[in-house]
PDB file of all heavy atoms in Angstrom:
ATOM      1  N   ARG A   1     -52.594  15.788  60.620  1.00  0.00           N
ATOM      2  CA  ARG A   1     -52.719  14.775  61.668  1.00  0.00           C
ATOM      3  C   ARG A   1     -52.168  13.440  61.175  1.00  0.00           C
ATOM      4  O   ARG A   1     -52.441  13.019  60.044  1.00  0.00           O
ATOM      5  CB  ARG A   1     -54.182  14.637  62.095  1.00  0.00           C
ATOM      6  CG  ARG A   1     -54.375  13.683  63.263  1.00  0.00           C
ATOM      7  CD  ARG A   1     -55.788  13.764  63.830  1.00  0.00           C
ATOM      8  NE  ARG A   1     -55.987  12.759  64.858  1.00  0.00           N
ATOM      9  CZ  ARG A   1     -57.101  12.625  65.578  1.00  0.00           C
ATOM     10  NH1 ARG A   1     -58.121  13.469  65.377  1.00  0.00           N
ATOM     11  NH2 ARG A   1     -57.213  11.673  66.489  1.00  0.00           N
ATOM     12  N   ARG A   2     -51.377  12.806  62.035  1.00  0.00           N
ATOM     13  CA  ARG A   2     -50.842  11.475  61.760  1.00  0.00           C
ATOM     14  C   ARG A   2     -51.247  10.564  62.916  1.00  0.00           C
ATOM     15  O   ARG A   2     -50.555  10.476  63.928  1.00  0.00           O
ATOM     16  CB  ARG A   2     -49.318  11.515  61.616  1.00  0.00           C
ATOM     17  CG  ARG A   2     -48.797  12.408  60.491  1.00  0.00           C
ATOM     18  CD  ARG A   2     -49.167  11.860  59.112  1.00  0.00           C
ATOM     19  NE  ARG A   2     -48.591  12.646  58.033  1.00  0.00           N
ATOM     20  CZ  ARG A   2     -49.182  13.722  57.484  1.00  0.00           C
ATOM     21  NH1 ARG A   2     -50.374  14.120  57.925  1.00  0.00           N
ATOM     22  NH2 ARG A   2     -48.595  14.373  56.490  1.00  0.00           N
ATOM     23  N   GLY A   3     -52.386   9.922  62.789  1.00  0.00           N
ATOM     24  CA  GLY A   3     -52.886   9.079  63.873  1.00  0.00           C
ATOM     25  C   GLY A   3     -53.203   9.926  65.090  1.00  0.00           C
ATOM     26  O   GLY A   3     -54.070  10.798  65.044  1.00  0.00           O
ATOM     27  N   ASP A   4     -52.504   9.663  66.184  1.00  0.00           N
ATOM     28  CA  ASP A   4     -52.746  10.402  67.426  1.00  0.00           C
ATOM     29  C   ASP A   4     -51.825  11.616  67.560  1.00  0.00           C
ATOM     30  O   ASP A   4     -51.755  12.213  68.640  1.00  0.00           O
ATOM     31  CB  ASP A   4     -52.523   9.483  68.633  1.00  0.00           C
ATOM     32  CG  ASP A   4     -53.589   8.394  68.719  1.00  0.00           C
ATOM     33  OD1 ASP A   4     -54.705   8.620  68.225  1.00  0.00           O
ATOM     34  OD2 ASP A   4     -53.287   7.324  69.282  1.00  0.00           O
ATOM     35  N   HIS A   5     -51.132  11.976  66.508  1.00  0.00           N
ATOM     36  CA  HIS A   5     -50.133  13.034  66.612  1.00  0.00           C
ATOM     37  C   HIS A   5     -50.281  14.061  65.491  1.00  0.00           C
ATOM     38  O   HIS A   5     -51.019  13.845  64.541  1.00  0.00           O
ATOM     39  CB  HIS A   5     -48.727  12.428  66.613  1.00  0.00           C
ATOM     40  CG  HIS A   5     -48.548  11.410  67.694  1.00  0.00           C
ATOM     41  ND1 HIS A   5     -48.368  11.750  69.014  1.00  0.00           N
ATOM     42  CD2 HIS A   5     -48.568  10.048  67.653  1.00  0.00           C
ATOM     43  CE1 HIS A   5     -48.269  10.651  69.740  1.00  0.00           C
ATOM     44  NE2 HIS A   5     -48.389   9.606  68.949  1.00  0.00           N
ATOM     45  N   MET A   6     -49.545  15.144  65.620  1.00  0.00           N
ATOM     46  CA  MET A   6     -49.716  16.271  64.720  1.00  0.00           C
ATOM     47  C   MET A   6     -48.360  16.785  64.236  1.00  0.00           C
ATOM     48  O   MET A   6     -47.436  16.995  65.031  1.00  0.00           O
ATOM     49  CB  MET A   6     -50.435  17.394  65.493  1.00  0.00           C
ATOM     50  CG  MET A   6     -50.919  18.513  64.611  1.00  0.00           C
ATOM     51  SD  MET A   6     -52.440  18.017  63.772  1.00  0.00           S
ATOM     52  CE  MET A   6     -53.247  19.596  63.675  1.00  0.00           C
ATOM     53  N   LEU A   7     -48.250  16.994  62.931  1.00  0.00           N
ATOM     54  CA  LEU A   7     -47.077  17.664  62.384  1.00  0.00           C
ATOM     55  C   LEU A   7     -47.249  19.176  62.537  1.00  0.00           C
ATOM     56  O   LEU A   7     -48.369  19.675  62.604  1.00  0.00           O
ATOM     57  CB  LEU A   7     -46.913  17.342  60.898  1.00  0.00           C
ATOM     58  CG  LEU A   7     -46.794  15.870  60.486  1.00  0.00           C
ATOM     59  CD1 LEU A   7     -46.647  15.771  58.971  1.00  0.00           C
ATOM     60  CD2 LEU A   7     -45.619  15.207  61.176  1.00  0.00           C
ATOM     61  N   ARG A   8     -46.139  19.909  62.559  1.00  0.00           N
ATOM     62  CA  ARG A   8     -46.288  21.374  62.544  1.00  0.00           C
ATOM     63  C   ARG A   8     -46.649  21.844  61.139  1.00  0.00           C
ATOM     64  O   ARG A   8     -47.382  22.795  60.955  1.00  0.00           O
ATOM     65  CB  ARG A   8     -45.018  22.053  63.058  1.00  0.00           C
ATOM     66  CG  ARG A   8     -43.726  21.522  62.493  1.00  0.00           C
ATOM     67  CD  ARG A   8     -42.522  22.112  63.187  1.00  0.00           C
ATOM     68  NE  ARG A   8     -41.335  21.303  62.913  1.00  0.00           N
ATOM     69  CZ  ARG A   8     -40.111  21.624  63.270  1.00  0.00           C
ATOM     70  NH1 ARG A   8     -39.898  22.741  63.932  1.00  0.00           N
ATOM     71  NH2 ARG A   8     -39.102  20.857  62.985  1.00  0.00           N
ATOM     72  N   TYR A   9     -46.092  21.164  60.134  1.00  0.00           N
ATOM     73  CA  TYR A   9     -46.440  21.374  58.729  1.00  0.00           C
ATOM     74  C   TYR A   9     -45.941  20.149  57.980  1.00  0.00           C
ATOM     75  O   TYR A   9     -45.077  19.401  58.470  1.00  0.00           O
ATOM     76  CB  TYR A   9     -45.800  22.655  58.157  1.00  0.00           C
ATOM     77  CG  TYR A   9     -44.336  22.795  58.470  1.00  0.00           C
ATOM     78  CD1 TYR A   9     -43.370  22.143  57.715  1.00  0.00           C
ATOM     79  CD2 TYR A   9     -43.900  23.578  59.545  1.00  0.00           C
ATOM     80  CE1 TYR A   9     -42.023  22.241  58.017  1.00  0.00           C
ATOM     81  CE2 TYR A   9     -42.558  23.682  59.855  1.00  0.00           C
ATOM     82  CZ  TYR A   9     -41.619  23.013  59.084  1.00  0.00           C
ATOM     83  OH  TYR A   9     -40.287  23.114  59.389  1.00  0.00           O
ATOM     84  N   ALA A  10     -46.477  19.912  56.795  1.00  0.00           N
ATOM     85  CA  ALA A  10     -46.071  18.750  56.010  1.00  0.00           C
ATOM     86  C   ALA A  10     -45.200  19.138  54.825  1.00  0.00           C
ATOM     87  O   ALA A  10     -44.556  18.281  54.220  1.00  0.00           O
ATOM     88  CB  ALA A  10     -47.305  17.987  55.518  1.00  0.00           C
ATOM     89  N   ALA A  11     -45.174  20.427  54.503  1.00  0.00           N
ATOM     90  CA  ALA A  11     -44.385  20.889  53.366  1.00  0.00           C
ATOM     91  C   ALA A  11     -42.892  20.749  53.656  1.00  0.00           C
ATOM     92  O   ALA A  11     -42.465  20.797  54.810  1.00  0.00           O
ATOM     93  CB  ALA A  11     -44.725  22.352  53.062  1.00  0.00           C
ATOM     94  N   GLU A  12     -42.103  20.571  52.611  1.00  0.00           N
ATOM     95  CA  GLU A  12     -40.657  20.478  52.799  1.00  0.00           C
ATOM     96  C   GLU A  12     -40.094  21.813  53.261  1.00  0.00           C
ATOM     97  O   GLU A  12     -40.567  22.875  52.863  1.00  0.00           O
ATOM     98  CB  GLU A  12     -39.975  20.048  51.482  1.00  0.00           C
ATOM     99  CG  GLU A  12     -40.201  18.594  51.138  1.00  0.00           C
ATOM    100  CD  GLU A  12     -39.178  18.073  50.133  1.00  0.00           C
ATOM    101  OE1 GLU A  12     -38.271  18.842  49.768  1.00  0.00           O
ATOM    102  OE2 GLU A  12     -39.293  16.909  49.737  1.00  0.00           O
ATOM    103  N   ASP A  13     -39.078  21.737  54.111  1.00  0.00           N
ATOM    104  CA  ASP A  13     -38.411  22.950  54.569  1.00  0.00           C
ATOM    105  C   ASP A  13     -36.926  22.867  54.201  1.00  0.00           C
ATOM    106  O   ASP A  13     -36.540  22.114  53.301  1.00  0.00           O
ATOM    107  CB  ASP A  13     -38.625  23.171  56.072  1.00  0.00           C
ATOM    108  CG  ASP A  13     -38.062  22.029  56.918  1.00  0.00           C
ATOM    109  OD1 ASP A  13     -37.258  21.226  56.402  1.00  0.00           O
ATOM    110  OD2 ASP A  13     -38.421  21.941  58.107  1.00  0.00           O
ATOM    111  N   ASP A  14     -36.093  23.607  54.928  1.00  0.00           N
ATOM    112  CA  ASP A  14     -34.663  23.665  54.619  1.00  0.00           C
ATOM    113  C   ASP A  14     -33.985  22.295  54.685  1.00  0.00           C
ATOM    114  O   ASP A  14     -32.926  22.094  54.087  1.00  0.00           O
ATOM    115  CB  ASP A  14     -33.936  24.599  55.610  1.00  0.00           C
ATOM    116  CG  ASP A  14     -34.719  25.872  55.891  1.00  0.00           C
ATOM    117  OD1 ASP A  14     -35.600  26.198  55.085  1.00  0.00           O
ATOM    118  OD2 ASP A  14     -34.442  26.523  56.909  1.00  0.00           O
ATOM    119  N   PHE A  15     -34.560  21.357  55.460  1.00  0.00           N
ATOM    120  CA  PHE A  15     -33.941  20.051  55.667  1.00  0.00           C
ATOM    121  C   PHE A  15     -34.778  18.913  55.076  1.00  0.00           C
ATOM    122  O   PHE A  15     -34.573  17.757  55.421  1.00  0.00           O
ATOM    123  CB  PHE A  15     -33.731  19.807  57.167  1.00  0.00           C
ATOM    124  CG  PHE A  15     -32.694  20.693  57.788  1.00  0.00           C
ATOM    125  CD1 PHE A  15     -33.014  21.994  58.168  1.00  0.00           C
ATOM    126  CD2 PHE A  15     -31.397  20.246  57.978  1.00  0.00           C
ATOM    127  CE1 PHE A  15     -32.060  22.831  58.731  1.00  0.00           C
ATOM    128  CE2 PHE A  15     -30.435  21.073  58.547  1.00  0.00           C
ATOM    129  CZ  PHE A  15     -30.762  22.372  58.923  1.00  0.00           C
ATOM    130  N   GLY A  16     -35.735  19.235  54.222  1.00  0.00           N
ATOM    131  CA  GLY A  16     -36.614  18.218  53.667  1.00  0.00           C
ATOM    132  C   GLY A  16     -37.934  18.161  54.413  1.00  0.00           C
ATOM    133  O   GLY A  16     -38.295  19.076  55.162  1.00  0.00           O
ATOM    134  N   ALA A  17     -38.668  17.083  54.245  1.00  0.00           N
ATOM    135  CA  ALA A  17     -39.966  16.932  54.898  1.00  0.00           C
ATOM    136  C   ALA A  17     -39.772  16.531  56.360  1.00  0.00           C
ATOM    137  O   ALA A  17     -38.908  15.716  56.679  1.00  0.00           O
ATOM    138  CB  ALA A  17     -40.803  15.875  54.187  1.00  0.00           C
ATOM    139  N   PRO A  18     -40.579  17.106  57.283  1.00  0.00           N
ATOM    140  CA  PRO A  18     -40.476  16.727  58.701  1.00  0.00           C
ATOM    141  C   PRO A  18     -40.747  15.234  58.889  1.00  0.00           C
ATOM    142  O   PRO A  18     -41.643  14.676  58.263  1.00  0.00           O
ATOM    143  CB  PRO A  18     -41.566  17.581  59.364  1.00  0.00           C
ATOM    144  CG  PRO A  18     -41.779  18.732  58.429  1.00  0.00           C
ATOM    145  CD  PRO A  18     -41.563  18.176  57.056  1.00  0.00           C
ATOM    146  N   GLU A  19     -39.968  14.609  59.772  1.00  0.00           N
ATOM    147  CA  GLU A  19     -40.087  13.169  59.996  1.00  0.00           C
ATOM    148  C   GLU A  19     -40.765  12.834  61.317  1.00  0.00           C
ATOM    149  O   GLU A  19     -41.110  11.677  61.564  1.00  0.00           O
ATOM    150  CB  GLU A  19     -38.696  12.529  60.001  1.00  0.00           C
ATOM    151  CG  GLU A  19     -37.905  12.739  58.719  1.00  0.00           C
ATOM    152  CD  GLU A  19     -36.467  12.276  58.874  1.00  0.00           C
ATOM    153  OE1 GLU A  19     -36.269  11.082  59.155  1.00  0.00           O
ATOM    154  OE2 GLU A  19     -35.542  13.107  58.728  1.00  0.00           O
ATOM    155  N   THR A  20     -40.913  13.816  62.204  1.00  0.00           N
ATOM    156  CA  THR A  20     -41.492  13.561  63.518  1.00  0.00           C
ATOM    157  C   THR A  20     -42.622  14.537  63.796  1.00  0.00           C
ATOM    158  O   THR A  20     -42.697  15.614  63.196  1.00  0.00           O
ATOM    159  CB  THR A  20     -40.421  13.706  64.619  1.00  0.00           C
ATOM    160  OG1 THR A  20     -39.734  14.957  64.437  1.00  0.00           O
ATOM    161  CG2 THR A  20     -39.414  12.575  64.554  1.00  0.00           C
ATOM    162  N   ALA A  21     -43.495  14.134  64.710  1.00  0.00           N
ATOM    163  CA  ALA A  21     -44.565  15.027  65.148  1.00  0.00           C
ATOM    164  C   ALA A  21     -44.000  16.024  66.151  1.00  0.00           C
ATOM    165  O   ALA A  21     -43.080  15.714  66.902  1.00  0.00           O
ATOM    166  CB  ALA A  21     -45.694  14.213  65.786  1.00  0.00           C
ATOM    167  N   PHE A  22     -44.572  17.218  66.149  1.00  0.00           N
ATOM    168  CA  PHE A  22     -44.145  18.277  67.055  1.00  0.00           C
ATOM    169  C   PHE A  22     -45.124  18.275  68.221  1.00  0.00           C
ATOM    170  O   PHE A  22     -46.311  18.552  68.048  1.00  0.00           O
ATOM    171  CB  PHE A  22     -44.181  19.617  66.317  1.00  0.00           C
ATOM    172  CG  PHE A  22     -43.238  20.640  66.853  1.00  0.00           C
ATOM    173  CD1 PHE A  22     -41.876  20.520  66.653  1.00  0.00           C
ATOM    174  CD2 PHE A  22     -43.713  21.752  67.551  1.00  0.00           C
ATOM    175  CE1 PHE A  22     -40.991  21.476  67.136  1.00  0.00           C
ATOM    176  CE2 PHE A  22     -42.844  22.707  68.043  1.00  0.00           C
ATOM    177  CZ  PHE A  22     -41.483  22.577  67.834  1.00  0.00           C
ATOM    178  N   ASN A  23     -44.643  17.937  69.410  1.00  0.00           N
ATOM    179  CA  ASN A  23     -45.559  17.617  70.510  1.00  0.00           C
ATOM    180  C   ASN A  23     -46.525  18.743  70.855  1.00  0.00           C
ATOM    181  O   ASN A  23     -47.694  18.493  71.140  1.00  0.00           O
ATOM    182  CB  ASN A  23     -44.752  17.206  71.744  1.00  0.00           C
ATOM    183  CG  ASN A  23     -44.128  15.833  71.583  1.00  0.00           C
ATOM    184  OD1 ASN A  23     -44.698  14.963  70.939  1.00  0.00           O
ATOM    185  ND2 ASN A  23     -42.955  15.630  72.159  1.00  0.00           N
ATOM    186  N   VAL A  24     -46.060  19.995  70.846  1.00  0.00           N
ATOM    187  CA  VAL A  24     -46.977  21.070  71.220  1.00  0.00           C
ATOM    188  C   VAL A  24     -48.122  21.172  70.219  1.00  0.00           C
ATOM    189  O   VAL A  24     -49.250  21.538  70.587  1.00  0.00           O
ATOM    190  CB  VAL A  24     -46.239  22.415  71.366  1.00  0.00           C
ATOM    191  CG1 VAL A  24     -45.823  22.991  70.025  1.00  0.00           C
ATOM    192  CG2 VAL A  24     -47.134  23.422  72.106  1.00  0.00           C
ATOM    193  N   CYS A  25     -47.872  20.812  68.958  1.00  0.00           N
ATOM    194  CA  CYS A  25     -48.938  20.875  67.956  1.00  0.00           C
ATOM    195  C   CYS A  25     -50.012  19.831  68.236  1.00  0.00           C
ATOM    196  O   CYS A  25     -51.205  20.067  67.982  1.00  0.00           O
ATOM    197  CB  CYS A  25     -48.359  20.700  66.559  1.00  0.00           C
ATOM    198  SG  CYS A  25     -47.216  22.010  66.076  1.00  0.00           S
TER     199      CYS A  25
END
């Protein structure tokens, strides 16, 4: 959780760490 929003995951993937929240999450 990032404030009022949610990441799908915080671990790095093929393109690095996610920078935005995934709305459905």
